[in-house]
Amino acid sequence: MEQIFAKEEAEKTYRVVVPRIKKELKGGADYGNEDIQEGISLVLGLFPFGAKRRNFKRWYVGSKEKFLSLPDDPDKLSIACWW
């Protein structure tokens, strides 16, 4: 997993990748699917290291339901997990 250091780049990527993954999950894709997990790993790399990334993982990673609760717009994420 690679860290994206520019907030603007992270936001741009988030706005594309998260809705795509959510669409696949809503369409019946298995949460454990390799492509879904690769996408989630990419999304995880958008979050800053440390407490913010740990909070994101705790709140939104680990199940289909958790991931689907993510907002499509990163501006709606808590400051506790986003830039």
N, C-alpha and C. Protein backbone atom coordinates (compact mmCIF):
# COMPACT_ATOMS: atom_id res chain seq x y z
N MET A 1 0.85 -1.17 0.00
CA MET A 1 0.00 0.00 0.00
C MET A 1 0.90 1.23 0.00
N GLU A 2 0.58 2.14 -0.86
CA GLU A 2 1.37 3.34 -1.04
C GLU A 2 0.63 4.53 -0.47
N GLN A 3 1.37 5.43 0.18
CA GLN A 3 0.77 6.64 0.73
C GLN A 3 0.74 7.73 -0.33
N ILE A 4 -0.40 8.36 -0.51
CA ILE A 4 -0.51 9.53 -1.38
C ILE A 4 -0.37 10.75 -0.48
N PHE A 5 0.62 11.59 -0.76
CA PHE A 5 0.95 12.66 0.16
C PHE A 5 0.21 13.98 -0.07
N ALA A 6 -0.31 14.20 -1.25
CA ALA A 6 -1.01 15.45 -1.53
C ALA A 6 -2.50 15.29 -1.27
N LYS A 7 -3.05 16.15 -0.44
CA LYS A 7 -4.47 16.07 -0.09
C LYS A 7 -5.35 16.15 -1.34
N GLU A 8 -5.02 17.03 -2.27
CA GLU A 8 -5.82 17.21 -3.46
C GLU A 8 -5.85 15.92 -4.30
N GLU A 9 -4.70 15.27 -4.42
CA GLU A 9 -4.62 14.01 -5.17
C GLU A 9 -5.43 12.92 -4.46
N ALA A 10 -5.32 12.89 -3.14
CA ALA A 10 -6.07 11.90 -2.36
C ALA A 10 -7.57 12.10 -2.54
N GLU A 11 -8.03 13.35 -2.49
CA GLU A 11 -9.45 13.63 -2.66
C GLU A 11 -9.94 13.24 -4.04
N LYS A 12 -9.16 13.56 -5.06
CA LYS A 12 -9.54 13.23 -6.43
C LYS A 12 -9.67 11.71 -6.61
N THR A 13 -8.71 10.99 -6.09
CA THR A 13 -8.73 9.53 -6.19
C THR A 13 -9.89 8.95 -5.40
N TYR A 14 -10.10 9.44 -4.18
CA TYR A 14 -11.20 8.97 -3.33
C TYR A 14 -12.54 9.10 -4.04
N ARG A 15 -12.77 10.26 -4.67
CA ARG A 15 -14.06 10.52 -5.32
C ARG A 15 -14.34 9.58 -6.48
N VAL A 16 -13.32 8.96 -7.03
CA VAL A 16 -13.49 8.01 -8.12
C VAL A 16 -13.57 6.57 -7.61
N VAL A 17 -12.63 6.22 -6.73
CA VAL A 17 -12.48 4.82 -6.32
C VAL A 17 -13.57 4.36 -5.35
N VAL A 18 -13.88 5.14 -4.35
CA VAL A 18 -14.87 4.72 -3.34
C VAL A 18 -16.24 4.44 -3.98
N PRO A 19 -16.78 5.35 -4.80
CA PRO A 19 -18.08 5.04 -5.42
C PRO A 19 -18.04 3.78 -6.31
N ARG A 20 -16.92 3.55 -6.99
CA ARG A 20 -16.81 2.34 -7.82
C ARG A 20 -16.85 1.08 -6.98
N ILE A 21 -16.12 1.07 -5.88
CA ILE A 21 -16.11 -0.11 -5.01
C ILE A 21 -17.50 -0.31 -4.42
N LYS A 22 -18.13 0.76 -3.97
CA LYS A 22 -19.46 0.64 -3.39
C LYS A 22 -20.46 0.13 -4.41
N LYS A 23 -20.34 0.56 -5.67
CA LYS A 23 -21.23 0.07 -6.72
C LYS A 23 -21.05 -1.43 -6.92
N GLU A 24 -19.81 -1.89 -6.91
CA GLU A 24 -19.54 -3.32 -7.07
C GLU A 24 -20.12 -4.11 -5.90
N LEU A 25 -19.93 -3.60 -4.68
CA LEU A 25 -20.46 -4.28 -3.50
C LEU A 25 -21.98 -4.33 -3.52
N LYS A 26 -22.60 -3.23 -3.89
CA LYS A 26 -24.06 -3.19 -3.97
C LYS A 26 -24.58 -4.11 -5.07
N GLY A 27 -23.75 -4.32 -6.10
CA GLY A 27 -24.13 -5.20 -7.20
C GLY A 27 -23.93 -6.67 -6.90
N GLY A 28 -23.44 -6.98 -5.71
CA GLY A 28 -23.31 -8.36 -5.32
C GLY A 28 -21.89 -8.89 -5.21
N ALA A 29 -20.90 -8.05 -5.47
CA ALA A 29 -19.51 -8.51 -5.35
C ALA A 29 -19.22 -8.89 -3.90
N ASP A 30 -18.43 -9.93 -3.72
CA ASP A 30 -18.04 -10.40 -2.40
C ASP A 30 -16.98 -9.47 -1.81
N TYR A 31 -17.13 -9.11 -0.54
CA TYR A 31 -16.18 -8.22 0.12
C TYR A 31 -14.76 -8.80 0.08
N GLY A 32 -14.63 -10.09 0.11
CA GLY A 32 -13.32 -10.74 0.09
C GLY A 32 -12.71 -10.88 -1.30
N ASN A 33 -13.45 -10.48 -2.33
CA ASN A 33 -12.98 -10.53 -3.71
C ASN A 33 -11.64 -9.81 -3.84
N GLU A 34 -10.72 -10.40 -4.60
CA GLU A 34 -9.37 -9.83 -4.74
C GLU A 34 -9.39 -8.40 -5.29
N ASP A 35 -10.23 -8.13 -6.28
CA ASP A 35 -10.30 -6.78 -6.85
C ASP A 35 -10.84 -5.78 -5.82
N ILE A 36 -11.84 -6.20 -5.06
CA ILE A 36 -12.41 -5.33 -4.02
C ILE A 36 -11.33 -5.03 -2.97
N GLN A 37 -10.61 -6.04 -2.55
CA GLN A 37 -9.57 -5.85 -1.53
C GLN A 37 -8.43 -4.96 -2.04
N GLU A 38 -8.09 -5.09 -3.32
CA GLU A 38 -7.07 -4.21 -3.89
C GLU A 38 -7.55 -2.76 -3.89
N GLY A 39 -8.82 -2.56 -4.23
CA GLY A 39 -9.39 -1.22 -4.20
C GLY A 39 -9.41 -0.64 -2.80
N ILE A 40 -9.76 -1.46 -1.83
CA ILE A 40 -9.79 -1.01 -0.44
C ILE A 40 -8.38 -0.66 0.02
N SER A 41 -7.41 -1.44 -0.39
CA SER A 41 -6.01 -1.15 -0.06
C SER A 41 -5.59 0.19 -0.66
N LEU A 42 -6.02 0.46 -1.88
CA LEU A 42 -5.73 1.75 -2.52
C LEU A 42 -6.35 2.88 -1.72
N VAL A 43 -7.61 2.71 -1.33
CA VAL A 43 -8.31 3.74 -0.54
C VAL A 43 -7.58 3.96 0.78
N LEU A 44 -7.16 2.89 1.41
CA LEU A 44 -6.45 3.00 2.69
C LEU A 44 -5.20 3.85 2.54
N GLY A 45 -4.53 3.76 1.40
CA GLY A 45 -3.33 4.56 1.15
C GLY A 45 -3.60 6.04 0.97
N LEU A 46 -4.87 6.42 0.86
CA LEU A 46 -5.23 7.83 0.72
C LEU A 46 -5.23 8.53 2.07
N PHE A 47 -5.34 7.76 3.14
CA PHE A 47 -5.46 8.32 4.48
C PHE A 47 -4.09 8.53 5.10
N PRO A 48 -3.92 9.61 5.85
CA PRO A 48 -2.62 9.87 6.49
C PRO A 48 -2.25 8.74 7.46
N PHE A 49 -0.95 8.50 7.59
CA PHE A 49 -0.45 7.50 8.53
C PHE A 49 -0.83 7.89 9.95
N GLY A 50 -0.83 6.92 10.84
CA GLY A 50 -1.04 7.18 12.26
C GLY A 50 -2.49 7.00 12.67
N ALA A 51 -2.90 7.83 13.62
CA ALA A 51 -4.22 7.71 14.23
C ALA A 51 -5.35 7.87 13.20
N LYS A 52 -5.17 8.75 12.23
CA LYS A 52 -6.24 8.96 11.25
C LYS A 52 -6.48 7.70 10.42
N ARG A 53 -5.41 7.04 10.02
CA ARG A 53 -5.56 5.80 9.25
C ARG A 53 -6.14 4.69 10.13
N ARG A 54 -5.70 4.61 11.38
CA ARG A 54 -6.25 3.60 12.30
C ARG A 54 -7.74 3.83 12.51
N ASN A 55 -8.14 5.08 12.68
CA ASN A 55 -9.57 5.38 12.84
C ASN A 55 -10.35 4.97 11.61
N PHE A 56 -9.83 5.29 10.43
CA PHE A 56 -10.51 4.89 9.19
C PHE A 56 -10.69 3.38 9.15
N LYS A 57 -9.63 2.64 9.42
CA LYS A 57 -9.70 1.18 9.38
C LYS A 57 -10.73 0.66 10.38
N ARG A 58 -10.74 1.23 11.57
CA ARG A 58 -11.67 0.77 12.61
C ARG A 58 -13.11 1.05 12.22
N TRP A 59 -13.36 2.20 11.61
CA TRP A 59 -14.73 2.62 11.31
C TRP A 59 -15.26 2.09 9.99
N TYR A 60 -14.39 1.90 8.98
CA TYR A 60 -14.89 1.64 7.64
C TYR A 60 -14.35 0.39 6.95
N VAL A 61 -13.39 -0.30 7.53
CA VAL A 61 -12.79 -1.46 6.89
C VAL A 61 -13.05 -2.70 7.75
N GLY A 62 -13.32 -3.81 7.09
CA GLY A 62 -13.52 -5.05 7.81
C GLY A 62 -14.80 -5.77 7.44
N SER A 63 -15.74 -5.02 6.88
CA SER A 63 -16.98 -5.66 6.43
C SER A 63 -17.60 -4.83 5.31
N LYS A 64 -18.45 -5.49 4.58
CA LYS A 64 -19.17 -4.82 3.49
C LYS A 64 -19.99 -3.66 4.02
N GLU A 65 -20.69 -3.89 5.12
CA GLU A 65 -21.56 -2.86 5.70
C GLU A 65 -20.76 -1.63 6.13
N LYS A 66 -19.61 -1.86 6.75
CA LYS A 66 -18.78 -0.73 7.17
C LYS A 66 -18.34 0.09 5.96
N PHE A 67 -17.86 -0.61 4.92
CA PHE A 67 -17.38 0.11 3.74
C PHE A 67 -18.51 0.87 3.05
N LEU A 68 -19.68 0.27 2.98
CA LEU A 68 -20.81 0.93 2.34
C LEU A 68 -21.27 2.18 3.10
N SER A 69 -20.90 2.29 4.37
CA SER A 69 -21.28 3.47 5.14
C SER A 69 -20.37 4.67 4.86
N LEU A 70 -19.31 4.46 4.08
CA LEU A 70 -18.42 5.57 3.71
C LEU A 70 -19.17 6.58 2.86
N PRO A 71 -18.96 7.87 3.10
CA PRO A 71 -19.56 8.86 2.21
C PRO A 71 -18.82 8.86 0.87
N ASP A 72 -19.50 9.21 -0.20
CA ASP A 72 -18.85 9.30 -1.51
C ASP A 72 -17.97 10.54 -1.62
N ASP A 73 -18.22 11.53 -0.78
CA ASP A 73 -17.48 12.78 -0.79
C ASP A 73 -16.55 12.82 0.42
N PRO A 74 -15.23 12.92 0.22
CA PRO A 74 -14.31 12.93 1.36
C PRO A 74 -14.49 14.14 2.27
N ASP A 75 -15.13 15.20 1.77
CA ASP A 75 -15.38 16.37 2.62
C ASP A 75 -16.35 16.04 3.76
N LYS A 76 -17.07 14.92 3.63
CA LYS A 76 -18.04 14.53 4.66
C LYS A 76 -17.43 13.57 5.69
N LEU A 77 -16.15 13.24 5.52
CA LEU A 77 -15.47 12.37 6.50
C LEU A 77 -15.08 13.18 7.73
N SER A 78 -15.01 12.51 8.85
CA SER A 78 -14.57 13.13 10.09
C SER A 78 -13.11 13.56 10.00
N ILE A 79 -12.78 14.66 10.61
CA ILE A 79 -11.39 15.12 10.68
C ILE A 79 -10.54 14.09 11.44
N ALA A 80 -11.18 13.22 12.19
CA ALA A 80 -10.46 12.20 12.95
C ALA A 80 -9.85 11.13 12.05
N CYS A 81 -10.27 11.09 10.77
CA CYS A 81 -9.66 10.09 9.89
C CYS A 81 -9.22 10.68 8.54
N TRP A 82 -9.56 11.90 8.25
CA TRP A 82 -9.20 12.50 6.97
C TRP A 82 -8.27 13.67 7.19
N TRP A 83 -7.72 14.16 6.16
CA TRP A 83 -6.75 15.26 6.19
C TRP A 83 -7.29 16.41 7.00
